[in-house]
Each structure stands twice: as structure tokens, then as C-alpha cells.
Amino acid sequence: DLRFTLLDSACMLRLNLADDILESVKIELGK
């Protein structure tokens, strides 16, 4: 159960597992 959020301020995608809200990954988009 993956959750994706587009962070407006920094061209970043944030990825969370629904079960693990403490662990997230930020991935830079655009470059």
C-alpha cells in the first residue's frame, strides 16, 4: 500500500508505505 505525495516546494516526490508512516523516501523529479 504505497502512498505518493508531490511536494510543491521542491519538485520532490515523497513515498510512504501506509503501514510505516515513520519511514519515507524523497525522490527528486525533473532533473
PDB file of all heavy atoms in Angstrom:
ATOM      1  N   ASP A   1       0.864  -1.179   0.000  1.00  0.00           N
ATOM      2  CA  ASP A   1       0.000   0.000   0.000  1.00  0.00           C
ATOM      3  C   ASP A   1       0.903   1.232   0.000  1.00  0.00           C
ATOM      4  O   ASP A   1       1.301   1.731   1.049  1.00  0.00           O
ATOM      5  CB  ASP A   1      -0.906  -0.029   1.227  1.00  0.00           C
ATOM      6  CG  ASP A   1      -1.967   1.061   1.195  1.00  0.00           C
ATOM      7  OD1 ASP A   1      -2.038   1.811   0.203  1.00  0.00           O
ATOM      8  OD2 ASP A   1      -2.723   1.158   2.170  1.00  0.00           O
ATOM      9  N   LEU A   2       1.271   1.662  -1.195  1.00  0.00           N
ATOM     10  CA  LEU A   2       2.189   2.791  -1.354  1.00  0.00           C
ATOM     11  C   LEU A   2       1.411   4.094  -1.422  1.00  0.00           C
ATOM     12  O   LEU A   2       0.356   4.175  -2.047  1.00  0.00           O
ATOM     13  CB  LEU A   2       3.016   2.622  -2.629  1.00  0.00           C
ATOM     14  CG  LEU A   2       3.877   1.363  -2.709  1.00  0.00           C
ATOM     15  CD1 LEU A   2       4.491   1.235  -4.087  1.00  0.00           C
ATOM     16  CD2 LEU A   2       4.951   1.386  -1.640  1.00  0.00           C
ATOM     17  N   ARG A   3       1.958   5.116  -0.814  1.00  0.00           N
ATOM     18  CA  ARG A   3       1.355   6.459  -0.830  1.00  0.00           C
ATOM     19  C   ARG A   3       2.349   7.429  -1.451  1.00  0.00           C
ATOM     20  O   ARG A   3       3.508   7.469  -1.058  1.00  0.00           O
ATOM     21  CB  ARG A   3       1.017   6.913   0.590  1.00  0.00           C
ATOM     22  CG  ARG A   3       0.152   5.942   1.363  1.00  0.00           C
ATOM     23  CD  ARG A   3      -1.256   5.862   0.776  1.00  0.00           C
ATOM     24  NE  ARG A   3      -2.020   4.769   1.315  1.00  0.00           N
ATOM     25  CZ  ARG A   3      -2.880   4.869   2.310  1.00  0.00           C
ATOM     26  NH1 ARG A   3      -3.071   6.031   2.895  1.00  0.00           N
ATOM     27  NH2 ARG A   3      -3.550   3.820   2.705  1.00  0.00           N
ATOM     28  N   PHE A   4       1.872   8.201  -2.402  1.00  0.00           N
ATOM     29  CA  PHE A   4       2.725   9.146  -3.119  1.00  0.00           C
ATOM     30  C   PHE A   4       2.208  10.556  -2.888  1.00  0.00           C
ATOM     31  O   PHE A   4       1.012  10.807  -2.952  1.00  0.00           O
ATOM     32  CB  PHE A   4       2.694   8.855  -4.620  1.00  0.00           C
ATOM     33  CG  PHE A   4       3.089   7.454  -4.966  1.00  0.00           C
ATOM     34  CD1 PHE A   4       2.130   6.469  -5.116  1.00  0.00           C
ATOM     35  CD2 PHE A   4       4.423   7.114  -5.141  1.00  0.00           C
ATOM     36  CE1 PHE A   4       2.487   5.169  -5.442  1.00  0.00           C
ATOM     37  CE2 PHE A   4       4.790   5.819  -5.464  1.00  0.00           C
ATOM     38  CZ  PHE A   4       3.814   4.844  -5.612  1.00  0.00           C
ATOM     39  N   THR A   5       3.129  11.469  -2.643  1.00  0.00           N
ATOM     40  CA  THR A   5       2.781  12.875  -2.464  1.00  0.00           C
ATOM     41  C   THR A   5       3.738  13.703  -3.301  1.00  0.00           C
ATOM     42  O   THR A   5       4.954  13.499  -3.261  1.00  0.00           O
ATOM     43  CB  THR A   5       2.927  13.289  -0.981  1.00  0.00           C
ATOM     44  OG1 THR A   5       2.180  12.398  -0.170  1.00  0.00           O
ATOM     45  CG2 THR A   5       2.455  14.703  -0.768  1.00  0.00           C
ATOM     46  N   LEU A   6       3.192  14.631  -4.060  1.00  0.00           N
ATOM     47  CA  LEU A   6       4.017  15.573  -4.805  1.00  0.00           C
ATOM     48  C   LEU A   6       4.202  16.801  -3.930  1.00  0.00           C
ATOM     49  O   LEU A   6       3.236  17.478  -3.572  1.00  0.00           O
ATOM     50  CB  LEU A   6       3.349  15.955  -6.130  1.00  0.00           C
ATOM     51  CG  LEU A   6       4.118  16.896  -7.036  1.00  0.00           C
ATOM     52  CD1 LEU A   6       5.478  16.297  -7.410  1.00  0.00           C
ATOM     53  CD2 LEU A   6       3.324  17.197  -8.294  1.00  0.00           C
ATOM     54  N   LEU A   7       5.438  17.043  -3.533  1.00  0.00           N
ATOM     55  CA  LEU A   7       5.740  18.186  -2.676  1.00  0.00           C
ATOM     56  C   LEU A   7       5.933  19.416  -3.557  1.00  0.00           C
ATOM     57  O   LEU A   7       6.833  19.458  -4.392  1.00  0.00           O
ATOM     58  CB  LEU A   7       6.994  17.908  -1.851  1.00  0.00           C
ATOM     59  CG  LEU A   7       6.942  16.646  -0.992  1.00  0.00           C
ATOM     60  CD1 LEU A   7       8.282  16.404  -0.311  1.00  0.00           C
ATOM     61  CD2 LEU A   7       5.827  16.738   0.018  1.00  0.00           C
ATOM     62  N   ASP A   8       5.095  20.395  -3.378  1.00  0.00           N
ATOM     63  CA  ASP A   8       5.086  21.573  -4.239  1.00  0.00           C
ATOM     64  C   ASP A   8       6.374  22.373  -4.193  1.00  0.00           C
ATOM     65  O   ASP A   8       6.847  22.866  -5.198  1.00  0.00           O
ATOM     66  CB  ASP A   8       3.932  22.507  -3.856  1.00  0.00           C
ATOM     67  CG  ASP A   8       2.583  21.882  -4.144  1.00  0.00           C
ATOM     68  OD1 ASP A   8       2.484  21.078  -5.085  1.00  0.00           O
ATOM     69  OD2 ASP A   8       1.635  22.203  -3.411  1.00  0.00           O
ATOM     70  N   SER A   9       6.935  22.489  -3.021  1.00  0.00           N
ATOM     71  CA  SER A   9       8.029  23.434  -2.840  1.00  0.00           C
ATOM     72  C   SER A   9       9.345  23.020  -3.483  1.00  0.00           C
ATOM     73  O   SER A   9      10.186  23.857  -3.746  1.00  0.00           O
ATOM     74  CB  SER A   9       8.254  23.673  -1.350  1.00  0.00           C
ATOM     75  OG  SER A   9       8.585  22.447  -0.730  1.00  0.00           O
ATOM     76  N   ALA A  10       9.542  21.723  -3.737  1.00  0.00           N
ATOM     77  CA  ALA A  10      10.891  21.331  -4.128  1.00  0.00           C
ATOM     78  C   ALA A  10      10.971  20.332  -5.281  1.00  0.00           C
ATOM     79  O   ALA A  10      11.989  19.684  -5.447  1.00  0.00           O
ATOM     80  CB  ALA A  10      11.594  20.739  -2.913  1.00  0.00           C
ATOM     81  N   CYS A  11       9.938  20.202  -6.065  1.00  0.00           N
ATOM     82  CA  CYS A  11       9.961  19.248  -7.185  1.00  0.00           C
ATOM     83  C   CYS A  11      10.309  17.842  -6.691  1.00  0.00           C
ATOM     84  O   CYS A  11      11.125  17.150  -7.288  1.00  0.00           O
ATOM     85  CB  CYS A  11      10.935  19.674  -8.258  1.00  0.00           C
ATOM     86  SG  CYS A  11      10.637  21.303  -8.904  1.00  0.00           S
ATOM     87  N   MET A  12       9.734  17.462  -5.566  1.00  0.00           N
ATOM     88  CA  MET A  12      10.043  16.183  -4.945  1.00  0.00           C
ATOM     89  C   MET A  12       8.791  15.328  -4.843  1.00  0.00           C
ATOM     90  O   MET A  12       7.699  15.837  -4.638  1.00  0.00           O
ATOM     91  CB  MET A  12      10.594  16.395  -3.535  1.00  0.00           C
ATOM     92  CG  MET A  12      11.836  17.237  -3.434  1.00  0.00           C
ATOM     93  SD  MET A  12      13.299  16.431  -4.023  1.00  0.00           S
ATOM     94  CE  MET A  12      13.703  15.430  -2.637  1.00  0.00           C
ATOM     95  N   LEU A  13       9.028  14.037  -4.966  1.00  0.00           N
ATOM     96  CA  LEU A  13       8.001  13.048  -4.708  1.00  0.00           C
ATOM     97  C   LEU A  13       8.321  12.433  -3.361  1.00  0.00           C
ATOM     98  O   LEU A  13       9.464  12.077  -3.105  1.00  0.00           O
ATOM     99  CB  LEU A  13       8.059  11.975  -5.806  1.00  0.00           C
ATOM    100  CG  LEU A  13       7.144  10.777  -5.696  1.00  0.00           C
ATOM    101  CD1 LEU A  13       6.856  10.251  -7.102  1.00  0.00           C
ATOM    102  CD2 LEU A  13       7.725   9.669  -4.866  1.00  0.00           C
ATOM    103  N   ARG A  14       7.324  12.347  -2.487  1.00  0.00           N
ATOM    104  CA  ARG A  14       7.524  11.660  -1.214  1.00  0.00           C
ATOM    105  C   ARG A  14       6.753  10.352  -1.283  1.00  0.00           C
ATOM    106  O   ARG A  14       5.591  10.329  -1.682  1.00  0.00           O
ATOM    107  CB  ARG A  14       7.039  12.483  -0.037  1.00  0.00           C
ATOM    108  CG  ARG A  14       7.333  11.767   1.294  1.00  0.00           C
ATOM    109  CD  ARG A  14       6.993  12.589   2.511  1.00  0.00           C
ATOM    110  NE  ARG A  14       5.608  13.005   2.462  1.00  0.00           N
ATOM    111  CZ  ARG A  14       5.167  14.171   2.935  1.00  0.00           C
ATOM    112  NH1 ARG A  14       5.997  15.031   3.472  1.00  0.00           N
ATOM    113  NH2 ARG A  14       3.900  14.475   2.868  1.00  0.00           N
ATOM    114  N   LEU A  15       7.421   9.276  -0.909  1.00  0.00           N
ATOM    115  CA  LEU A  15       6.859   7.939  -0.953  1.00  0.00           C
ATOM    116  C   LEU A  15       6.804   7.379   0.455  1.00  0.00           C
ATOM    117  O   LEU A  15       7.805   7.404   1.166  1.00  0.00           O
ATOM    118  CB  LEU A  15       7.744   7.054  -1.840  1.00  0.00           C
ATOM    119  CG  LEU A  15       7.535   5.556  -1.789  1.00  0.00           C
ATOM    120  CD1 LEU A  15       6.165   5.196  -2.336  1.00  0.00           C
ATOM    121  CD2 LEU A  15       8.615   4.867  -2.600  1.00  0.00           C
ATOM    122  N   ASN A  16       5.627   6.916   0.844  1.00  0.00           N
ATOM    123  CA  ASN A  16       5.446   6.268   2.140  1.00  0.00           C
ATOM    124  C   ASN A  16       4.750   4.941   1.934  1.00  0.00           C
ATOM    125  O   ASN A  16       3.940   4.796   1.022  1.00  0.00           O
ATOM    126  CB  ASN A  16       4.542   7.096   3.062  1.00  0.00           C
ATOM    127  CG  ASN A  16       5.164   8.363   3.514  1.00  0.00           C
ATOM    128  OD1 ASN A  16       5.083   9.356   2.813  1.00  0.00           O
ATOM    129  ND2 ASN A  16       5.771   8.352   4.665  1.00  0.00           N
ATOM    130  N   LEU A  17       5.053   4.004   2.817  1.00  0.00           N
ATOM    131  CA  LEU A  17       4.264   2.786   2.920  1.00  0.00           C
ATOM    132  C   LEU A  17       3.163   3.087   3.921  1.00  0.00           C
ATOM    133  O   LEU A  17       3.429   3.678   4.971  1.00  0.00           O
ATOM    134  CB  LEU A  17       5.109   1.630   3.427  1.00  0.00           C
ATOM    135  CG  LEU A  17       6.172   1.140   2.460  1.00  0.00           C
ATOM    136  CD1 LEU A  17       7.162   0.237   3.170  1.00  0.00           C
ATOM    137  CD2 LEU A  17       5.508   0.391   1.323  1.00  0.00           C
ATOM    138  N   ALA A  18       1.954   2.693   3.628  1.00  0.00           N
ATOM    139  CA  ALA A  18       0.837   3.003   4.522  1.00  0.00           C
ATOM    140  C   ALA A  18       1.063   2.433   5.917  1.00  0.00           C
ATOM    141  O   ALA A  18       0.675   3.044   6.903  1.00  0.00           O
ATOM    142  CB  ALA A  18      -0.461   2.467   3.933  1.00  0.00           C
ATOM    143  N   ASP A  19       1.729   1.270   6.005  1.00  0.00           N
ATOM    144  CA  ASP A  19       1.970   0.629   7.301  1.00  0.00           C
ATOM    145  C   ASP A  19       3.073   1.320   8.105  1.00  0.00           C
ATOM    146  O   ASP A  19       3.155   1.142   9.312  1.00  0.00           O
ATOM    147  CB  ASP A  19       2.437  -0.815   7.130  1.00  0.00           C
ATOM    148  CG  ASP A  19       1.579  -1.617   6.198  1.00  0.00           C
ATOM    149  OD1 ASP A  19       0.644  -1.060   5.626  1.00  0.00           O
ATOM    150  OD2 ASP A  19       1.855  -2.803   6.046  1.00  0.00           O
ATOM    151  N   ASP A  20       3.938   2.034   7.431  1.00  0.00           N
ATOM    152  CA  ASP A  20       5.127   2.576   8.084  1.00  0.00           C
ATOM    153  C   ASP A  20       5.220   4.077   7.827  1.00  0.00           C
ATOM    154  O   ASP A  20       5.929   4.521   6.948  1.00  0.00           O
ATOM    155  CB  ASP A  20       6.378   1.865   7.551  1.00  0.00           C
ATOM    156  CG  ASP A  20       7.639   2.259   8.292  1.00  0.00           C
ATOM    157  OD1 ASP A  20       7.558   3.082   9.228  1.00  0.00           O
ATOM    158  OD2 ASP A  20       8.702   1.754   7.925  1.00  0.00           O
ATOM    159  N   ILE A  21       4.489   4.835   8.623  1.00  0.00           N
ATOM    160  CA  ILE A  21       4.462   6.277   8.388  1.00  0.00           C
ATOM    161  C   ILE A  21       5.744   6.973   8.827  1.00  0.00           C
ATOM    162  O   ILE A  21       5.980   8.121   8.472  1.00  0.00           O
ATOM    163  CB  ILE A  21       3.244   6.942   9.060  1.00  0.00           C
ATOM    164  CG1 ILE A  21       3.270   6.687  10.572  1.00  0.00           C
ATOM    165  CG2 ILE A  21       1.954   6.451   8.455  1.00  0.00           C
ATOM    166  CD1 ILE A  21       2.262   7.476  11.346  1.00  0.00           C
ATOM    167  N   LEU A  22       6.567   6.262   9.590  1.00  0.00           N
ATOM    168  CA  LEU A  22       7.807   6.869  10.058  1.00  0.00           C
ATOM    169  C   LEU A  22       8.890   6.871   8.993  1.00  0.00           C
ATOM    170  O   LEU A  22       9.777   7.715   9.000  1.00  0.00           O
ATOM    171  CB  LEU A  22       8.320   6.143  11.306  1.00  0.00           C
ATOM    172  CG  LEU A  22       7.389   6.186  12.509  1.00  0.00           C
ATOM    173  CD1 LEU A  22       7.974   5.368  13.649  1.00  0.00           C
ATOM    174  CD2 LEU A  22       7.129   7.611  12.940  1.00  0.00           C
ATOM    175  N   GLU A  23       8.827   5.918   8.085  1.00  0.00           N
ATOM    176  CA  GLU A  23       9.854   5.807   7.044  1.00  0.00           C
ATOM    177  C   GLU A  23       9.293   6.372   5.742  1.00  0.00           C
ATOM    178  O   GLU A  23       8.264   5.937   5.254  1.00  0.00           O
ATOM    179  CB  GLU A  23      10.243   4.351   6.841  1.00  0.00           C
ATOM    180  CG  GLU A  23      11.274   4.125   5.782  1.00  0.00           C
ATOM    181  CD  GLU A  23      12.648   3.862   6.358  1.00  0.00           C
ATOM    182  OE1 GLU A  23      12.741   3.229   7.399  1.00  0.00           O
ATOM    183  OE2 GLU A  23      13.623   4.313   5.749  1.00  0.00           O
ATOM    184  N   SER A  24       9.957   7.353   5.209  1.00  0.00           N
ATOM    185  CA  SER A  24       9.550   7.893   3.912  1.00  0.00           C
ATOM    186  C   SER A  24      10.792   8.142   3.076  1.00  0.00           C
ATOM    187  O   SER A  24      11.906   8.215   3.590  1.00  0.00           O
ATOM    188  CB  SER A  24       8.752   9.189   4.073  1.00  0.00           C
ATOM    189  OG  SER A  24       9.569  10.221   4.548  1.00  0.00           O
ATOM    190  N   VAL A  25      10.575   8.232   1.789  1.00  0.00           N
ATOM    191  CA  VAL A  25      11.657   8.472   0.844  1.00  0.00           C
ATOM    192  C   VAL A  25      11.274   9.696   0.027  1.00  0.00           C
ATOM    193  O   VAL A  25      10.131   9.826  -0.408  1.00  0.00           O
ATOM    194  CB  VAL A  25      11.837   7.253  -0.094  1.00  0.00           C
ATOM    195  CG1 VAL A  25      12.864   7.539  -1.159  1.00  0.00           C
ATOM    196  CG2 VAL A  25      12.192   6.019   0.690  1.00  0.00           C
ATOM    197  N   LYS A  26      12.223  10.574  -0.158  1.00  0.00           N
ATOM    198  CA  LYS A  26      12.008  11.720  -1.047  1.00  0.00           C
ATOM    199  C   LYS A  26      12.852  11.509  -2.295  1.00  0.00           C
ATOM    200  O   LYS A  26      14.035  11.186  -2.202  1.00  0.00           O
ATOM    201  CB  LYS A  26      12.390  13.022  -0.356  1.00  0.00           C
ATOM    202  CG  LYS A  26      11.439  13.394   0.741  1.00  0.00           C
ATOM    203  CD  LYS A  26      11.792  14.719   1.365  1.00  0.00           C
ATOM    204  CE  LYS A  26      10.824  15.048   2.483  1.00  0.00           C
ATOM    205  NZ  LYS A  26      11.203  16.288   3.170  1.00  0.00           N
ATOM    206  N   ILE A  27      12.210  11.696  -3.432  1.00  0.00           N
ATOM    207  CA  ILE A  27      12.867  11.480  -4.721  1.00  0.00           C
ATOM    208  C   ILE A  27      12.723  12.752  -5.538  1.00  0.00           C
ATOM    209  O   ILE A  27      11.612  13.267  -5.717  1.00  0.00           O
ATOM    210  CB  ILE A  27      12.213  10.290  -5.455  1.00  0.00           C
ATOM    211  CG1 ILE A  27      12.350   9.026  -4.598  1.00  0.00           C
ATOM    212  CG2 ILE A  27      12.811  10.107  -6.838  1.00  0.00           C
ATOM    213  CD1 ILE A  27      11.480   7.886  -5.049  1.00  0.00           C
ATOM    214  N   GLU A  28      13.844  13.242  -6.024  1.00  0.00           N
ATOM    215  CA  GLU A  28      13.832  14.470  -6.813  1.00  0.00           C
ATOM    216  C   GLU A  28      13.339  14.183  -8.225  1.00  0.00           C
ATOM    217  O   GLU A  28      13.768  13.232  -8.872  1.00  0.00           O
ATOM    218  CB  GLU A  28      15.227  15.077  -6.870  1.00  0.00           C
ATOM    219  CG  GLU A  28      15.240  16.441  -7.523  1.00  0.00           C
ATOM    220  CD  GLU A  28      16.590  17.132  -7.405  1.00  0.00           C
ATOM    221  OE1 GLU A  28      17.533  16.529  -6.885  1.00  0.00           O
ATOM    222  OE2 GLU A  28      16.673  18.288  -7.846  1.00  0.00           O
ATOM    223  N   LEU A  29      12.446  15.025  -8.691  1.00  0.00           N
ATOM    224  CA  LEU A  29      11.903  14.917 -10.045  1.00  0.00           C
ATOM    225  C   LEU A  29      12.423  16.069 -10.893  1.00  0.00           C
ATOM    226  O   LEU A  29      12.822  17.100 -10.381  1.00  0.00           O
ATOM    227  CB  LEU A  29      10.371  14.974 -10.008  1.00  0.00           C
ATOM    228  CG  LEU A  29       9.677  13.909  -9.170  1.00  0.00           C
ATOM    229  CD1 LEU A  29       8.187  14.203  -9.093  1.00  0.00           C
ATOM    230  CD2 LEU A  29       9.926  12.529  -9.751  1.00  0.00           C
ATOM    231  N   GLY A  30      12.417  15.872 -12.191  1.00  0.00           N
ATOM    232  CA  GLY A  30      12.734  16.956 -13.105  1.00  0.00           C
ATOM    233  C   GLY A  30      14.125  16.961 -13.679  1.00  0.00           C
ATOM    234  O   GLY A  30      14.331  17.399 -14.793  1.00  0.00           O
ATOM    235  N   LYS A  31      15.114  16.458 -12.926  1.00  0.00           N
ATOM    236  CA  LYS A  31      16.493  16.548 -13.395  1.00  0.00           C
ATOM    237  C   LYS A  31      16.947  15.313 -14.155  1.00  0.00           C
ATOM    238  O   LYS A  31      17.676  15.414 -15.122  1.00  0.00           O
ATOM    239  CB  LYS A  31      17.441  16.794 -12.223  1.00  0.00           C
ATOM    240  CG  LYS A  31      17.294  18.177 -11.642  1.00  0.00           C
ATOM    241  CD  LYS A  31      18.359  18.453 -10.621  1.00  0.00           C
ATOM    242  CE  LYS A  31      18.227  19.871 -10.106  1.00  0.00           C
ATOM    243  NZ  LYS A  31      19.260  20.200  -9.149  1.00  0.00           N
TER     244      LYS A  31
END
